[in-house]
Amino acid sequence: MSAYDAIVVGAGINGLTAACTLAKSGKRVILLEARSEAGGVASALNGSALDTATLSEKVVNHLSLKSYGLKFYSSDPGVLVSDLENEPFVLYRAPERMRFNDRECEAAGYRRYRTFITRISALINELRENKPPNLISPDLSSVALLLKSALRLRLLGKRDMTELLRVAPMCLADFLYEYFESETLITALALPALVGEWAGPWSPGTATNLLLYECARGLPVEGGSQEIIRALLKAAEDYGVTVKTDCRVKSFETDGDRVCGVLLESGKALNSKVVFSSPDPKTTFLKLLPAGVLESDFEWKINNFRQRGTTAFISIVLPESPRFKKPVADRVDFIRITGTVDELEQAFDPVKYGELPERPALDLQLHHQNNGVFIAGSVNFVPYCIKGEDYQAAREQLSATVISMLSELIDNLKDNISETKVWLPVDLESEFGCSYGNLRHGEAGLDQILVRPAPECARYKTPLKGLYICGSGAHPAGALSGLQGYLAANCCNV
């Protein structure tokens, strides 16, 4: 008899969520993390690099994370937006908080945009927050889910229903031009939909990415993603999860067509009724499983599941608070530097050729700590394979570019930096195990949004009995939410 009902591999947000959800339901759970600390990327990039506004309320409530100290902003903090040429402005979700300087056309467009997002959010979030239908062997719950979603779509009303169906395959540039004239406002809204994607604003289907992000977005977590990890670790302790760090899994143990445990790099084997894998699909199926256990058709699908990383991360430490060159009326905790729509597309273009962008798009957070201020976040449109393969030179070049861009906005930046660190996509692979440097474990193209990473895994089960996937490469696609771990754990009947 095995000591555990479930083994969970990987202690990132999804792995921790899956482990806590399983343990709360009475399962004996062990959580294995290869690194020396739990949390993965969420705890390593100074806790301020990841967007926490999409953390699922369903996960927070189910695991009572607020009782473990997790705090959210009390209101939308806004994002300081700049194209480094014109006057910066603060982007808020609420139209009444926006300052359009008497540009009524733009104000009216923003009200219409937000109203549309509000009307479709219930449908989009129902699709995101529930397990997807089993399209290969539909059961009653799959049919019921499809019928319920179809009914919700119809209940949107003829206008919103046809508008949603029209917009979904559009590029987000065309979609946003229907509402706005301001290039900087358009690119500020567009950027979160492009983070981690092999796509620019003119790429087809990116309007769907934007709708998914907007509908999922709530209030960000105070203190960043590392606070989510702290709360989840406290919950794991209370629920009785055994957490082991410095415990790298070498491979899954199989018995015929069943996964029955894991083999650690130390040589120790652990057995359990089920194994939950939170690493990306290519790692789970092509690296951790013994060769020859997968059917060739399924293996082909995993090989062709697109996971090209296009986002780097930077962390800059200042000993004092930044002083902005142009006065900003509101407190600034978030900064987004973009440009025009075409400049955003031009920043994406070099990725195709293994080159760094001359002017990347930046999505940054300011995080105040005792030893200074961290400015950390994503540097977008950076290729995984860089021409010439001089990655140290690429880190230095990217760091210099970002500092130069920020210095146009912040007066006391250049001469006050005490530390800078850059993670290229290739570093995200080597340090955190994200294949091809894709933190979201798979691109969210129209063909990879609902069926992730393959139809056989629609309900988080895999072709091998006893093996479940619970990482970001599963449903739902998009930014950090914890839903993959939560939904996968709720699909387990052991």
Protein backbone atom coordinates (compact mmCIF):
# COMPACT_ATOMS: atom_id res chain seq x y z
CA MET A 1 0.00 0.00 0.00
CA SER A 2 1.39 3.41 -1.00
CA ALA A 3 1.92 6.08 1.64
CA TYR A 4 0.19 8.70 -0.52
CA ASP A 5 -3.01 8.93 -2.51
CA ALA A 6 -1.51 11.54 -4.80
CA ILE A 7 1.90 12.82 -5.81
CA VAL A 8 1.99 16.38 -7.19
CA VAL A 9 5.07 17.32 -9.23
CA GLY A 10 6.08 20.98 -9.17
CA ALA A 11 5.34 23.50 -6.40
CA GLY A 12 4.38 26.50 -8.48
CA ILE A 13 0.98 28.15 -8.06
CA ASN A 14 -0.87 25.39 -9.93
CA GLY A 15 0.97 22.56 -8.21
CA LEU A 16 0.32 24.07 -4.79
CA THR A 17 -3.33 24.71 -5.67
CA ALA A 18 -3.80 21.12 -6.86
CA ALA A 19 -2.10 19.73 -3.74
CA CYS A 20 -4.18 21.88 -1.38
CA THR A 21 -7.43 21.05 -3.19
CA LEU A 22 -6.69 17.32 -3.09
CA ALA A 23 -5.67 17.42 0.57
CA LYS A 24 -8.75 19.43 1.52
CA SER A 25 -10.89 16.65 0.07
CA GLY A 26 -9.19 14.11 2.35
CA LYS A 27 -6.38 12.81 0.13
CA ARG A 28 -2.89 12.05 1.44
CA VAL A 29 -0.70 14.28 -0.74
CA ILE A 30 3.03 14.80 -1.23
CA LEU A 31 4.25 17.78 -3.26
CA LEU A 32 7.68 17.51 -4.91
CA GLU A 33 9.68 20.57 -5.95
CA ALA A 34 13.03 20.39 -7.76
CA ARG A 35 14.22 23.81 -6.58
CA SER A 36 15.32 24.73 -3.07
CA GLU A 37 12.16 26.77 -2.51
CA ALA A 38 8.54 26.35 -3.48
CA GLY A 39 6.83 28.79 -5.80
CA GLY A 40 8.77 28.51 -9.03
CA VAL A 41 8.70 31.69 -11.08
CA ALA A 42 6.08 33.25 -8.82
CA SER A 43 8.50 33.45 -5.89
CA ALA A 44 11.78 33.85 -7.76
CA LEU A 45 11.37 37.02 -9.84
CA ASN A 46 11.21 39.26 -6.75
CA GLY A 47 7.49 38.47 -6.58
CA SER A 48 6.66 41.51 -8.69
CA ALA A 49 7.13 40.28 -12.24
CA LEU A 50 3.87 38.39 -12.73
CA ASP A 51 0.41 39.84 -13.21
CA THR A 52 -1.64 38.74 -10.18
CA ALA A 53 -4.89 40.46 -11.18
CA THR A 54 -6.10 37.27 -12.89
CA LEU A 55 -5.82 35.02 -9.81
CA SER A 56 -9.11 33.14 -9.68
CA GLU A 57 -11.59 34.21 -7.00
CA LYS A 58 -12.89 30.64 -7.04
CA VAL A 59 -9.45 29.35 -5.97
CA VAL A 60 -9.03 32.06 -3.33
CA ASN A 61 -12.41 31.28 -1.77
CA HIS A 62 -12.16 27.48 -1.97
CA LEU A 63 -8.81 27.43 -0.19
CA SER A 64 -9.64 30.38 2.13
CA LEU A 65 -6.43 32.10 1.09
CA LYS A 66 -7.44 35.43 2.64
CA SER A 67 -7.41 33.73 6.03
CA TYR A 68 -3.75 32.91 5.38
CA GLY A 69 -2.83 36.57 4.88
CA LEU A 70 -3.49 37.06 1.17
CA LYS A 71 -4.52 40.66 0.55
CA PHE A 72 -5.77 42.42 -2.54
CA TYR A 73 -5.73 46.07 -3.50
CA SER A 74 -8.88 47.72 -2.16
CA SER A 75 -9.48 49.41 -5.51
CA ASP A 76 -8.04 49.34 -9.02
CA PRO A 77 -4.56 50.89 -8.63
CA GLY A 78 -4.34 51.84 -12.30
CA VAL A 79 -1.38 51.57 -14.65
CA LEU A 80 0.86 54.47 -15.63
CA VAL A 81 1.02 54.37 -19.43
CA SER A 82 3.66 56.11 -21.52
CA ASP A 83 4.88 56.09 -25.09
CA LEU A 84 7.94 58.12 -23.93
CA GLU A 85 6.92 61.02 -26.17
CA ASN A 86 3.54 62.32 -25.06
CA GLU A 87 2.14 63.06 -21.62
CA PRO A 88 1.75 59.81 -19.60
CA PHE A 89 -1.68 58.90 -18.29
CA VAL A 90 -3.12 56.41 -15.79
CA LEU A 91 -5.23 53.60 -17.20
CA TYR A 92 -8.14 52.50 -15.01
CA ARG A 93 -10.82 49.92 -15.65
CA ALA A 94 -13.59 52.23 -14.45
CA PRO A 95 -14.42 54.80 -17.18
CA GLU A 96 -15.34 57.45 -14.59
CA ARG A 97 -11.76 57.41 -13.25
CA MET A 98 -10.17 57.96 -16.64
CA ARG A 99 -9.05 61.45 -17.65
CA PHE A 100 -9.62 62.08 -21.33
CA ASN A 101 -9.03 65.85 -21.23
CA ASP A 102 -12.35 66.71 -22.88
CA ARG A 103 -11.90 64.12 -25.65
CA GLU A 104 -15.52 62.98 -25.48
CA CYS A 105 -15.17 60.65 -28.48
CA GLU A 106 -12.46 58.67 -26.67
CA ALA A 107 -14.39 58.72 -23.39
CA ALA A 108 -17.52 57.41 -25.12
CA GLY A 109 -15.49 54.66 -26.82
CA TYR A 110 -14.03 53.58 -23.48
CA ARG A 111 -17.49 53.41 -21.91
CA ARG A 112 -18.74 51.27 -24.80
CA TYR A 113 -15.68 49.01 -24.56
CA ARG A 114 -16.06 48.44 -20.82
CA THR A 115 -19.80 47.86 -21.17
CA PHE A 116 -19.21 45.15 -23.77
CA ILE A 117 -16.60 43.44 -21.56
CA THR A 118 -19.01 43.50 -18.61
CA ARG A 119 -21.85 41.97 -20.63
CA ILE A 120 -19.80 39.03 -21.92
CA SER A 121 -17.81 38.35 -18.72
CA ALA A 122 -20.26 35.86 -17.23
CA LEU A 123 -20.13 33.66 -20.33
CA ILE A 124 -16.35 33.89 -20.77
CA ASN A 125 -15.66 33.20 -17.11
CA GLU A 126 -18.03 30.24 -17.03
CA LEU A 127 -16.01 28.70 -19.86
CA ARG A 128 -12.72 29.53 -18.11
CA GLU A 129 -13.67 28.42 -14.61
CA ASN A 130 -15.19 25.04 -15.41
CA LYS A 131 -13.60 21.87 -16.70
CA PRO A 132 -13.82 21.71 -20.50
CA PRO A 133 -16.06 19.22 -22.29
CA ASN A 134 -14.70 15.81 -23.23
CA LEU A 135 -14.81 16.04 -27.01
CA ILE A 136 -13.47 12.53 -27.69
CA SER A 137 -15.90 10.59 -25.49
CA PRO A 138 -18.65 13.05 -24.53
CA ASP A 139 -20.44 12.16 -21.30
CA LEU A 140 -23.58 13.71 -19.84
CA SER A 141 -21.63 16.43 -18.01
CA SER A 142 -19.83 17.39 -21.26
CA VAL A 143 -23.11 17.62 -23.15
CA ALA A 144 -24.68 19.58 -20.28
CA LEU A 145 -21.75 22.02 -20.25
CA LEU A 146 -22.00 22.58 -24.01
CA LEU A 147 -25.75 23.14 -23.80
CA LYS A 148 -25.37 25.48 -20.83
CA SER A 149 -22.70 27.51 -22.65
CA ALA A 150 -24.82 27.65 -25.79
CA LEU A 151 -27.76 28.89 -23.73
CA ARG A 152 -25.63 31.55 -22.04
CA LEU A 153 -24.39 32.66 -25.47
CA ARG A 154 -27.96 32.94 -26.71
CA LEU A 155 -29.04 34.81 -23.57
CA LEU A 156 -26.47 37.50 -24.35
CA GLY A 157 -29.02 38.76 -26.82
CA LYS A 158 -28.74 38.92 -30.57
CA ARG A 159 -26.50 41.99 -30.63
CA ASP A 160 -23.89 40.81 -28.10
CA MET A 161 -23.98 37.22 -29.33
CA THR A 162 -23.25 38.18 -32.93
CA GLU A 163 -20.68 40.74 -31.78
CA LEU A 164 -18.78 38.15 -29.71
CA LEU A 165 -18.78 35.68 -32.59
CA ARG A 166 -17.60 38.42 -34.95
CA VAL A 167 -14.85 39.71 -32.68
CA ALA A 168 -13.30 36.39 -31.56
CA PRO A 169 -11.22 35.69 -34.70
CA MET A 170 -10.19 39.33 -35.19
CA CYS A 171 -6.76 40.78 -34.55
CA LEU A 172 -6.89 42.98 -31.49
CA ALA A 173 -5.65 46.04 -33.40
CA ASP A 174 -8.71 46.03 -35.68
CA PHE A 175 -10.98 45.33 -32.71
CA LEU A 176 -9.64 48.21 -30.60
CA TYR A 177 -9.57 50.66 -33.52
CA GLU A 178 -13.35 50.29 -33.58
CA TYR A 179 -13.48 51.96 -30.16
CA PHE A 180 -10.50 54.30 -29.95
CA GLU A 181 -8.31 56.73 -31.86
CA SER A 182 -5.48 57.01 -29.32
CA GLU A 183 -2.63 54.70 -30.35
CA THR A 184 -1.16 54.66 -26.85
CA LEU A 185 -4.48 53.73 -25.25
CA ILE A 186 -4.93 50.93 -27.79
CA THR A 187 -1.47 49.45 -27.19
CA ALA A 188 -1.82 49.83 -23.41
CA LEU A 189 -4.99 47.74 -23.51
CA ALA A 190 -3.48 45.31 -26.03
CA LEU A 191 -0.18 44.45 -24.34
CA PRO A 192 -1.44 42.04 -21.61
CA ALA A 193 -3.05 39.95 -24.36
CA LEU A 194 0.32 39.59 -26.10
CA VAL A 195 2.54 38.71 -23.12
CA GLY A 196 4.09 35.30 -23.76
CA GLU A 197 2.43 34.96 -27.16
CA TRP A 198 4.02 34.42 -30.58
CA ALA A 199 1.87 37.24 -31.90
CA GLY A 200 1.69 40.96 -32.52
CA PRO A 201 -1.33 43.28 -32.47
CA TRP A 202 -2.12 42.49 -36.12
CA SER A 203 -2.10 38.70 -35.59
CA PRO A 204 -5.49 37.02 -36.20
CA GLY A 205 -7.31 35.72 -33.14
CA THR A 206 -5.57 37.98 -30.64
CA ALA A 207 -8.86 39.74 -29.87
CA THR A 208 -9.89 36.52 -28.10
CA ASN A 209 -6.75 36.70 -25.92
CA LEU A 210 -7.72 40.25 -24.98
CA LEU A 211 -11.29 39.27 -24.09
CA LEU A 212 -10.04 36.36 -21.96
CA TYR A 213 -7.69 38.67 -20.07
CA GLU A 214 -10.20 41.46 -19.57
CA CYS A 215 -12.92 39.10 -18.32
CA ALA A 216 -10.54 37.33 -15.91
CA ARG A 217 -8.99 40.47 -14.50
CA GLY A 218 -9.81 41.53 -10.96
CA LEU A 219 -7.79 43.36 -8.33
CA PRO A 220 -4.07 42.57 -8.05
CA VAL A 221 -2.50 40.99 -4.97
CA GLU A 222 -0.67 43.28 -2.58
CA GLY A 223 2.99 42.29 -2.45
CA GLY A 224 2.93 40.40 -5.73
CA SER A 225 2.89 36.73 -6.61
CA GLN A 226 5.21 35.71 -3.77
CA GLU A 227 2.34 36.51 -1.39
CA ILE A 228 0.18 33.97 -3.23
CA ILE A 229 2.88 31.36 -2.66
CA ARG A 230 3.13 32.23 1.04
CA ALA A 231 -0.63 31.87 1.48
CA LEU A 232 -0.72 28.58 -0.44
CA LEU A 233 2.15 27.15 1.63
CA LYS A 234 0.30 28.03 4.84
CA ALA A 235 -2.84 26.41 3.45
CA ALA A 236 -0.84 23.32 2.42
CA GLU A 237 0.50 22.98 5.96
CA ASP A 238 -2.99 23.25 7.44
CA TYR A 239 -4.45 20.74 4.98
CA GLY A 240 -1.67 18.26 5.72
CA VAL A 241 0.27 18.37 2.44
CA THR A 242 3.82 17.02 2.68
CA VAL A 243 6.04 19.49 0.81
CA LYS A 244 9.51 18.36 -0.29
CA THR A 245 11.97 20.80 -1.89
CA ASP A 246 15.31 19.89 -3.53
CA CYS A 247 13.44 16.82 -4.73
CA ARG A 248 13.75 16.53 -8.50
CA VAL A 249 11.70 13.92 -10.32
CA LYS A 250 13.74 11.94 -12.82
CA SER A 251 10.84 10.04 -14.41
CA PHE A 252 7.37 8.67 -13.88
CA GLU A 253 7.08 5.01 -12.88
CA THR A 254 4.74 3.03 -15.11
CA ASP A 255 3.06 -0.35 -14.96
CA GLY A 256 1.66 -1.12 -18.41
CA ASP A 257 -0.65 1.75 -19.34
CA ARG A 258 -0.73 3.17 -15.81
CA VAL A 259 1.49 5.69 -14.02
CA CYS A 260 1.95 4.41 -10.48
CA GLY A 261 4.54 6.76 -9.00
CA VAL A 262 7.77 8.67 -9.60
CA LEU A 263 11.49 7.96 -9.55
CA LEU A 264 13.56 10.73 -7.95
CA GLU A 265 17.03 11.72 -9.12
CA SER A 266 18.27 10.51 -5.74
CA GLY A 267 17.24 7.01 -6.82
CA LYS A 268 14.30 6.79 -4.42
CA ALA A 269 10.94 5.67 -5.80
CA LEU A 270 7.59 6.92 -4.52
CA ASN A 271 4.33 5.16 -5.29
CA SER A 272 0.80 6.57 -5.27
CA LYS A 273 -2.63 6.02 -6.74
CA VAL A 274 -2.34 9.09 -9.00
CA VAL A 275 0.34 11.54 -10.14
CA PHE A 276 -0.42 15.19 -10.94
CA SER A 277 2.13 16.90 -13.18
CA SER A 278 2.36 20.71 -13.22
CA PRO A 279 5.38 21.05 -15.56
CA ASP A 280 4.63 21.99 -19.17
CA PRO A 281 3.21 19.35 -21.56
CA LYS A 282 6.48 18.69 -23.39
CA THR A 283 8.29 18.07 -20.10
CA THR A 284 5.46 15.92 -18.74
CA PHE A 285 4.97 13.69 -21.77
CA LEU A 286 8.30 13.77 -23.63
CA LYS A 287 10.84 13.96 -20.81
CA LEU A 288 9.34 12.40 -17.68
CA LEU A 289 7.61 9.42 -19.28
CA PRO A 290 9.63 6.42 -20.46
CA ALA A 291 10.04 6.18 -24.22
CA GLY A 292 7.50 4.08 -26.06
CA VAL A 293 4.58 4.32 -23.62
CA LEU A 294 2.67 6.93 -25.62
CA GLU A 295 0.80 6.21 -28.81
CA SER A 296 2.49 7.85 -31.79
CA ASP A 297 -0.55 9.97 -32.67
CA PHE A 298 -0.71 11.51 -29.20
CA GLU A 299 3.06 12.02 -29.10
CA TRP A 300 2.81 13.82 -32.45
CA LYS A 301 0.20 16.18 -30.98
CA ILE A 302 2.41 17.03 -28.01
CA ASN A 303 5.43 17.59 -30.23
CA ASN A 304 3.35 20.04 -32.27
CA PHE A 305 1.83 21.86 -29.30
CA ARG A 306 3.29 25.36 -29.64
CA GLN A 307 5.24 26.66 -26.64
CA ARG A 308 7.49 29.35 -28.10
CA GLY A 309 8.50 31.83 -25.41
CA THR A 310 8.65 35.50 -26.34
CA THR A 311 8.88 37.21 -22.96
CA ALA A 312 11.91 38.07 -20.86
CA PHE A 313 11.82 39.44 -17.32
CA ILE A 314 13.86 42.12 -15.63
CA SER A 315 14.36 43.17 -12.02
CA ILE A 316 15.88 46.54 -11.15
CA VAL A 317 16.62 47.52 -7.54
CA LEU A 318 16.69 51.18 -6.49
CA PRO A 319 17.66 52.41 -3.00
CA GLU A 320 14.94 55.09 -3.15
CA SER A 321 11.55 55.69 -4.69
CA PRO A 322 11.59 56.70 -8.36
CA ARG A 323 10.96 60.35 -9.26
CA PHE A 324 8.99 60.77 -12.45
CA LYS A 325 10.09 63.52 -14.82
CA LYS A 326 6.52 64.56 -15.48
CA PRO A 327 4.32 64.95 -12.40
CA VAL A 328 1.88 62.10 -11.86
CA ALA A 329 -1.19 62.87 -9.78
CA ASP A 330 -1.86 59.25 -8.80
CA ARG A 331 0.28 56.78 -6.86
CA VAL A 332 2.17 54.57 -9.31
CA ASP A 333 2.56 50.84 -8.65
CA PHE A 334 2.35 49.66 -12.28
CA ILE A 335 4.02 50.99 -15.45
CA ARG A 336 3.33 50.07 -19.06
CA ILE A 337 5.51 51.45 -21.87
CA THR A 338 4.30 50.77 -25.39
CA GLY A 339 3.96 53.12 -28.38
CA THR A 340 1.86 53.03 -31.51
CA VAL A 341 0.20 49.90 -32.86
CA ASP A 342 2.74 49.66 -35.66
CA GLU A 343 5.62 50.13 -33.21
CA LEU A 344 4.22 47.23 -31.18
CA GLU A 345 4.07 45.10 -34.33
CA GLN A 346 7.60 46.14 -35.26
CA ALA A 347 8.78 45.10 -31.79
CA PHE A 348 7.33 41.61 -32.43
CA ASP A 349 8.80 41.21 -35.94
CA PRO A 350 12.46 40.53 -34.89
CA VAL A 351 11.34 37.55 -32.78
CA LYS A 352 10.78 35.60 -36.01
CA TYR A 353 14.44 36.02 -36.91
CA GLY A 354 16.04 35.46 -33.51
CA GLU A 355 16.79 39.14 -32.96
CA LEU A 356 16.17 41.48 -30.03
CA PRO A 357 13.69 44.33 -30.50
CA GLU A 358 15.06 47.85 -30.64
CA ARG A 359 12.19 48.98 -28.45
CA PRO A 360 10.47 46.19 -26.50
CA ALA A 361 7.11 46.72 -24.82
CA LEU A 362 7.38 46.84 -21.03
CA ASP A 363 4.84 45.81 -18.39
CA LEU A 364 6.34 46.54 -14.97
CA GLN A 365 5.45 46.68 -11.28
CA LEU A 366 6.94 48.74 -8.45
CA HIS A 367 7.35 46.87 -5.19
CA HIS A 368 8.57 48.68 -2.06
CA GLN A 369 10.71 46.66 0.37
CA ASN A 370 12.98 47.49 3.29
CA ASN A 371 16.12 47.45 1.16
CA GLY A 372 14.73 49.59 -1.64
CA VAL A 373 12.29 49.61 -4.50
CA PHE A 374 12.05 46.77 -7.01
CA ILE A 375 10.98 47.58 -10.55
CA ALA A 376 10.24 44.22 -12.09
CA GLY A 377 8.18 42.81 -14.90
CA SER A 378 8.00 41.58 -18.45
CA VAL A 379 10.10 42.68 -21.42
CA ASN A 380 8.09 41.57 -24.40
CA PHE A 381 9.00 40.23 -27.83
CA VAL A 382 12.28 38.55 -26.92
CA PRO A 383 13.08 35.30 -28.79
CA TYR A 384 13.96 31.99 -27.19
CA CYS A 385 16.68 31.26 -29.78
CA ILE A 386 18.84 34.36 -30.23
CA LYS A 387 20.92 34.68 -33.37
CA GLY A 388 24.59 34.06 -32.60
CA GLU A 389 23.68 32.42 -29.26
CA ASP A 390 25.60 35.02 -27.24
CA TYR A 391 23.06 35.09 -24.44
CA GLN A 392 25.17 37.09 -21.99
CA ALA A 393 25.53 39.85 -24.56
CA ALA A 394 21.77 39.66 -25.14
CA ARG A 395 21.09 40.08 -21.40
CA GLU A 396 23.37 43.12 -21.26
CA GLN A 397 21.84 44.64 -24.39
CA LEU A 398 18.29 44.09 -23.15
CA SER A 399 19.12 45.51 -19.72
CA ALA A 400 20.67 48.63 -21.28
CA THR A 401 17.64 49.09 -23.55
CA VAL A 402 15.14 48.84 -20.69
CA ILE A 403 17.14 51.18 -18.44
CA SER A 404 17.41 53.69 -21.29
CA MET A 405 13.64 53.56 -21.86
CA LEU A 406 12.82 53.91 -18.16
CA SER A 407 15.28 56.79 -17.80
CA GLU A 408 13.12 58.80 -20.17
CA LEU A 409 10.33 58.46 -17.64
CA ILE A 410 12.15 58.35 -14.29
CA ASP A 411 14.60 61.09 -13.32
CA ASN A 412 16.67 59.30 -10.68
CA LEU A 413 17.06 55.89 -12.32
CA LYS A 414 20.38 55.53 -14.13
CA ASP A 415 22.72 56.63 -11.36
CA ASN A 416 20.87 54.91 -8.53
CA ILE A 417 20.56 51.30 -9.67
CA SER A 418 22.01 48.93 -7.09
CA GLU A 419 21.18 45.68 -8.89
CA THR A 420 19.81 44.51 -12.22
CA LYS A 421 18.97 41.00 -13.37
CA VAL A 422 17.54 39.77 -16.66
CA TRP A 423 15.90 36.41 -17.38
CA LEU A 424 15.76 35.59 -21.08
CA PRO A 425 13.34 32.90 -22.29
CA VAL A 426 16.29 30.50 -22.41
CA ASP A 427 16.94 31.28 -18.72
CA LEU A 428 13.32 30.54 -17.84
CA GLU A 429 13.84 27.12 -19.38
CA SER A 430 17.15 26.34 -17.65
CA GLU A 431 16.19 27.78 -14.24
CA PHE A 432 12.50 26.92 -14.00
CA GLY A 433 12.07 24.10 -16.50
CA CYS A 434 9.68 25.96 -18.83
CA SER A 435 10.24 24.38 -22.25
CA TYR A 436 11.23 27.02 -24.80
CA GLY A 437 10.93 29.68 -22.11
CA ASN A 438 7.14 29.89 -22.23
CA LEU A 439 5.84 30.64 -18.72
CA ARG A 440 2.27 29.89 -19.74
CA HIS A 441 3.31 26.43 -20.98
CA GLY A 442 1.69 26.95 -24.38
CA GLU A 443 0.58 29.66 -26.75
CA ALA A 444 -3.06 30.72 -26.69
CA GLY A 445 -3.81 30.65 -30.40
CA LEU A 446 -7.42 29.96 -31.35
CA ASP A 447 -6.59 26.28 -31.84
CA GLN A 448 -4.90 26.04 -28.41
CA ILE A 449 -7.34 27.89 -26.17
CA LEU A 450 -10.02 25.33 -25.30
CA VAL A 451 -8.23 22.09 -26.20
CA ARG A 452 -4.97 22.09 -24.23
CA PRO A 453 -2.61 20.45 -24.93
CA ALA A 454 -4.56 17.77 -26.85
CA PRO A 455 -8.18 16.53 -26.96
CA GLU A 456 -7.19 13.40 -25.00
CA CYS A 457 -6.35 15.67 -22.01
CA ALA A 458 -9.56 17.69 -22.03
CA ARG A 459 -10.52 16.66 -18.49
CA TYR A 460 -6.92 16.80 -17.17
CA LYS A 461 -6.69 13.03 -17.44
CA THR A 462 -4.13 11.70 -19.90
CA PRO A 463 -3.95 8.59 -22.10
CA LEU A 464 -2.08 6.92 -19.24
CA LYS A 465 -4.25 5.93 -16.29
CA GLY A 466 -3.28 7.58 -13.04
CA LEU A 467 -1.56 10.58 -14.68
CA TYR A 468 -3.19 14.01 -14.59
CA ILE A 469 -1.91 17.34 -15.87
CA CYS A 470 -2.42 20.42 -13.69
CA GLY A 471 -0.07 23.06 -15.09
CA SER A 472 -0.58 26.15 -17.23
CA GLY A 473 -0.46 24.03 -20.38
CA ALA A 474 -3.94 22.75 -19.49
CA HIS A 475 -7.29 24.56 -19.63
CA PRO A 476 -7.81 27.48 -19.23
CA ALA A 477 -5.27 29.29 -21.37
CA GLY A 478 -4.00 32.67 -20.29
CA ALA A 479 -2.39 34.45 -17.39
CA LEU A 480 -1.82 33.26 -13.82
CA SER A 481 -5.06 32.01 -12.25
CA GLY A 482 -4.53 28.75 -10.31
CA LEU A 483 -7.56 27.32 -12.10
CA GLN A 484 -5.63 24.53 -13.83
CA GLY A 485 -4.55 23.05 -10.51
CA TYR A 486 -7.97 23.54 -8.93
CA LEU A 487 -9.96 22.05 -11.81
CA ALA A 488 -7.57 19.13 -12.30
CA ALA A 489 -7.81 18.19 -8.62
CA ASN A 490 -11.61 18.28 -8.83
CA CYS A 491 -11.54 15.87 -11.76
CA CYS A 492 -9.79 13.20 -9.72
CA ASN A 493 -12.05 10.45 -8.40
CA VAL A 494 -9.46 8.56 -6.36
